[in-house]
Amino acid sequence: MAPHGDHDENYHPKDAVGGALRATMITAGAGAFVSTIQNTLTRQNRGAMGFLTKTGGTIAVFGAMGGAYEFAKLASANLREKDDIWNPTIGGFFSGTMLGLRFRTMPAVVGYGALTAVVLGAFNYTGGKMSGWDRDADMDEYDRKQMLRRSRRRPVEDTIAEIGEGRGIYGEGYAERRAQLLKEKYGIEVPSSTRA
């Protein structure tokens, strides 16, 4: 047990066993889906129950990974009385070891555990979302985009110097310069008041 000054005063214990059962059911369902796809893609006809009899190990691995992750994450949070990035990292290690058990070697068990721990720890450290950091809920989306446009706006002269004129980007006096260039190069008289 952590000393009194080392834990979070606002921490509320979580049900590790219930969470592990829910996670096992969800990930076993995902494993059944993957196992069905594996069964469908085999060359031999294994029948409708082949997803259980031939590729059913996938269901077990998925279920064990999900259950181990959730149980280890919640149990470590309850033991440490903290909600921080170490809980998903510990859960990731145990989840990865379930995948490594399939290869029946200790280096695979430790290696897959360490890899999964690093990936899940880094994912949770950087915000824990695929969409990135949360945006300010009080700011209107239109106002936020206008603020981003104002802060990243570049002068048109810089853009023209970098990529040149054309493709919808034209600087001052473009029509006159174009008319002069066409007259010099091809001898065609183009009125300078019209734009190309």
Protein backbone atom coordinates (compact mmCIF):
# COMPACT_ATOMS: atom_id res chain seq x y z
CA MET A 1 0.00 0.00 0.00
CA ALA A 2 1.31 3.46 -0.86
CA PRO A 3 2.10 5.88 1.97
CA HIS A 4 -0.68 8.33 2.80
CA GLY A 5 1.02 11.33 1.14
CA ASP A 6 1.75 9.44 -2.10
CA HIS A 7 -1.77 8.69 -3.37
CA ASP A 8 -4.46 10.78 -5.00
CA GLU A 9 -7.06 12.01 -2.48
CA ASN A 10 -9.78 12.05 -5.17
CA TYR A 11 -9.19 8.48 -6.36
CA HIS A 12 -12.18 6.15 -6.36
CA PRO A 13 -11.57 2.36 -6.55
CA LYS A 14 -12.73 0.59 -9.69
CA ASP A 15 -14.13 -2.91 -10.22
CA ALA A 16 -11.19 -4.75 -11.78
CA VAL A 17 -12.93 -8.13 -12.15
CA GLY A 18 -16.08 -6.66 -13.73
CA GLY A 19 -14.02 -4.50 -16.07
CA ALA A 20 -11.89 -7.49 -17.05
CA LEU A 21 -14.99 -9.58 -17.83
CA ARG A 22 -16.49 -6.83 -19.97
CA ALA A 23 -13.21 -6.30 -21.82
CA THR A 24 -12.82 -10.05 -22.35
CA MET A 25 -16.28 -10.29 -23.89
CA ILE A 26 -15.70 -7.31 -26.18
CA THR A 27 -12.26 -8.38 -27.39
CA ALA A 28 -13.36 -12.03 -27.71
CA GLY A 29 -16.15 -10.77 -29.99
CA ALA A 30 -13.56 -8.90 -32.05
CA GLY A 31 -11.45 -12.09 -32.07
CA ALA A 32 -14.43 -14.08 -33.31
CA PHE A 33 -14.84 -11.59 -36.15
CA VAL A 34 -11.14 -11.90 -37.10
CA SER A 35 -11.33 -15.69 -36.75
CA THR A 36 -14.31 -15.76 -39.11
CA ILE A 37 -12.34 -13.78 -41.67
CA GLN A 38 -9.37 -16.15 -41.27
CA ASN A 39 -11.68 -19.12 -41.75
CA THR A 40 -13.18 -17.57 -44.87
CA LEU A 41 -9.79 -16.89 -46.45
CA THR A 42 -8.43 -20.44 -46.12
CA ARG A 43 -8.05 -22.60 -49.21
CA GLN A 44 -9.73 -25.66 -47.70
CA ASN A 45 -13.41 -25.68 -46.90
CA ARG A 46 -13.52 -25.97 -43.12
CA GLY A 47 -17.25 -25.52 -42.73
CA ALA A 48 -19.28 -23.01 -40.79
CA MET A 49 -17.81 -24.00 -37.42
CA GLY A 50 -14.22 -23.73 -38.68
CA PHE A 51 -13.91 -20.32 -37.04
CA LEU A 52 -14.12 -22.17 -33.69
CA THR A 53 -12.40 -25.47 -34.49
CA LYS A 54 -9.52 -24.35 -36.74
CA THR A 55 -8.92 -20.64 -36.07
CA GLY A 56 -10.49 -20.45 -32.61
CA GLY A 57 -7.11 -19.69 -31.05
CA THR A 58 -7.49 -16.16 -32.36
CA ILE A 59 -10.63 -15.72 -30.27
CA ALA A 60 -8.78 -16.94 -27.16
CA VAL A 61 -5.79 -14.66 -27.75
CA PHE A 62 -7.96 -11.59 -28.34
CA GLY A 63 -10.08 -12.34 -25.28
CA ALA A 64 -7.05 -12.98 -23.07
CA MET A 65 -5.34 -9.79 -24.25
CA GLY A 66 -8.37 -7.62 -23.54
CA GLY A 67 -9.09 -9.19 -20.17
CA ALA A 68 -5.47 -9.07 -19.03
CA TYR A 69 -5.10 -5.45 -20.10
CA GLU A 70 -8.22 -4.24 -18.31
CA PHE A 71 -7.63 -6.28 -15.15
CA ALA A 72 -3.98 -5.25 -14.81
CA LYS A 73 -4.78 -1.61 -15.56
CA LEU A 74 -7.58 -1.37 -13.00
CA ALA A 75 -5.85 -3.52 -10.37
CA SER A 76 -2.68 -1.41 -10.55
CA ALA A 77 -4.78 1.75 -10.31
CA ASN A 78 -6.53 0.36 -7.21
CA LEU A 79 -3.27 -0.77 -5.59
CA ARG A 80 -1.43 2.48 -6.34
CA GLU A 81 -4.51 4.65 -5.75
CA LYS A 82 -3.56 6.77 -8.77
CA ASP A 83 -4.88 7.34 -12.28
CA ASP A 84 -1.82 8.03 -14.40
CA ILE A 85 -0.05 6.66 -17.50
CA TRP A 86 1.59 3.82 -15.58
CA ASN A 87 -1.70 1.93 -15.29
CA PRO A 88 -2.19 1.51 -19.07
CA THR A 89 1.52 0.74 -19.39
CA ILE A 90 1.28 -2.07 -16.84
CA GLY A 91 -1.92 -3.32 -18.49
CA GLY A 92 -0.20 -3.19 -21.88
CA PHE A 93 2.65 -5.34 -20.61
CA PHE A 94 0.29 -8.05 -19.38
CA SER A 95 -1.76 -7.81 -22.56
CA GLY A 96 1.34 -8.22 -24.71
CA THR A 97 2.47 -11.25 -22.73
CA MET A 98 -0.81 -12.96 -23.67
CA LEU A 99 0.10 -12.47 -27.33
CA GLY A 100 3.65 -13.67 -26.68
CA LEU A 101 2.39 -16.88 -25.03
CA ARG A 102 1.22 -18.03 -28.44
CA PHE A 103 4.88 -18.40 -29.52
CA ARG A 104 5.86 -20.44 -26.41
CA THR A 105 9.23 -18.76 -25.82
CA MET A 106 10.22 -16.46 -22.98
CA PRO A 107 11.81 -13.84 -25.28
CA ALA A 108 8.53 -13.59 -27.21
CA VAL A 109 6.53 -13.23 -24.00
CA VAL A 110 8.77 -10.49 -22.60
CA GLY A 111 9.30 -8.83 -25.98
CA TYR A 112 5.62 -8.61 -26.91
CA GLY A 113 4.84 -7.46 -23.38
CA ALA A 114 7.45 -4.70 -23.51
CA LEU A 115 6.43 -3.59 -27.00
CA THR A 116 2.75 -3.37 -26.08
CA ALA A 117 3.58 -1.58 -22.83
CA VAL A 118 5.64 1.04 -24.66
CA VAL A 119 3.02 1.60 -27.36
CA LEU A 120 0.08 1.90 -24.94
CA GLY A 121 2.09 4.01 -22.49
CA ALA A 122 3.11 6.42 -25.25
CA PHE A 123 -0.44 6.53 -26.62
CA ASN A 124 -1.86 7.44 -23.22
CA TYR A 125 0.96 9.88 -22.48
CA THR A 126 0.19 11.83 -25.66
CA GLY A 127 -3.50 12.26 -24.89
CA GLY A 128 -5.01 8.82 -25.40
CA LYS A 129 -7.03 9.77 -28.48
CA MET A 130 -6.59 9.19 -32.17
CA SER A 131 -8.12 12.59 -32.90
CA GLY A 132 -5.49 14.47 -30.88
CA TRP A 133 -5.83 16.83 -27.96
CA ASP A 134 -9.21 18.13 -26.86
CA ARG A 135 -10.30 21.46 -28.22
CA ASP A 136 -11.68 24.24 -26.06
CA ALA A 137 -15.39 23.43 -25.66
CA ASP A 138 -16.26 27.09 -24.98
CA MET A 139 -14.85 28.37 -28.28
CA ASP A 140 -17.05 28.36 -31.38
CA GLU A 141 -15.57 26.28 -34.23
CA TYR A 142 -15.88 29.15 -36.72
CA ASP A 143 -14.06 31.53 -34.36
CA ARG A 144 -11.35 28.92 -33.75
CA LYS A 145 -10.73 28.47 -37.48
CA GLN A 146 -10.66 32.23 -38.05
CA MET A 147 -8.08 32.57 -35.26
CA LEU A 148 -5.96 29.82 -36.87
CA ARG A 149 -6.17 31.53 -40.27
CA ARG A 150 -5.07 34.88 -38.81
CA SER A 151 -2.16 33.33 -36.95
CA ARG A 152 -0.86 31.41 -39.98
CA ARG A 153 -1.48 33.90 -42.77
CA ARG A 154 1.47 34.68 -45.08
CA PRO A 155 1.86 37.63 -47.43
CA VAL A 156 0.96 36.78 -51.04
CA GLU A 157 4.38 38.04 -52.17
CA ASP A 158 6.07 35.28 -50.16
CA THR A 159 3.80 32.65 -51.69
CA ILE A 160 4.40 33.92 -55.24
CA ALA A 161 8.16 34.05 -54.67
CA GLU A 162 8.09 30.46 -53.47
CA ILE A 163 5.75 28.73 -55.95
CA GLY A 164 5.21 31.29 -58.72
CA GLU A 165 2.06 32.75 -60.23
CA GLY A 166 -0.80 30.72 -61.67
CA ARG A 167 -3.20 28.10 -60.33
CA GLY A 168 -5.40 30.84 -58.81
CA ILE A 169 -2.55 32.82 -57.23
CA TYR A 170 -1.83 36.10 -58.99
CA GLY A 171 0.08 39.14 -57.79
CA GLU A 172 -0.39 42.85 -58.59
CA GLY A 173 -0.03 43.66 -62.30
CA TYR A 174 -0.26 40.05 -63.44
CA ALA A 175 -2.50 40.82 -66.43
CA GLU A 176 -0.08 43.45 -67.75
CA ARG A 177 2.96 41.19 -67.27
CA ARG A 178 1.18 38.32 -69.01
CA ALA A 179 0.14 40.49 -71.97
CA GLN A 180 3.73 41.79 -72.32
CA LEU A 181 5.18 38.24 -72.14
CA LEU A 182 2.75 36.90 -74.78
CA LYS A 183 3.57 39.84 -77.07
CA GLU A 184 7.35 39.31 -76.71
CA LYS A 185 7.27 35.55 -77.03
CA TYR A 186 4.55 34.91 -79.62
CA GLY A 187 3.71 38.30 -81.06
CA ILE A 188 0.10 38.07 -79.89
CA GLU A 189 -1.60 41.25 -78.78
CA VAL A 190 -3.69 40.54 -75.64
CA PRO A 191 -5.73 43.27 -74.00
CA SER A 192 -4.21 43.78 -70.52
CA SER A 193 -7.58 44.45 -68.88
CA THR A 194 -8.66 40.77 -69.18
CA ARG A 195 -7.27 38.13 -66.88
CA ALA A 196 -6.46 34.61 -67.95
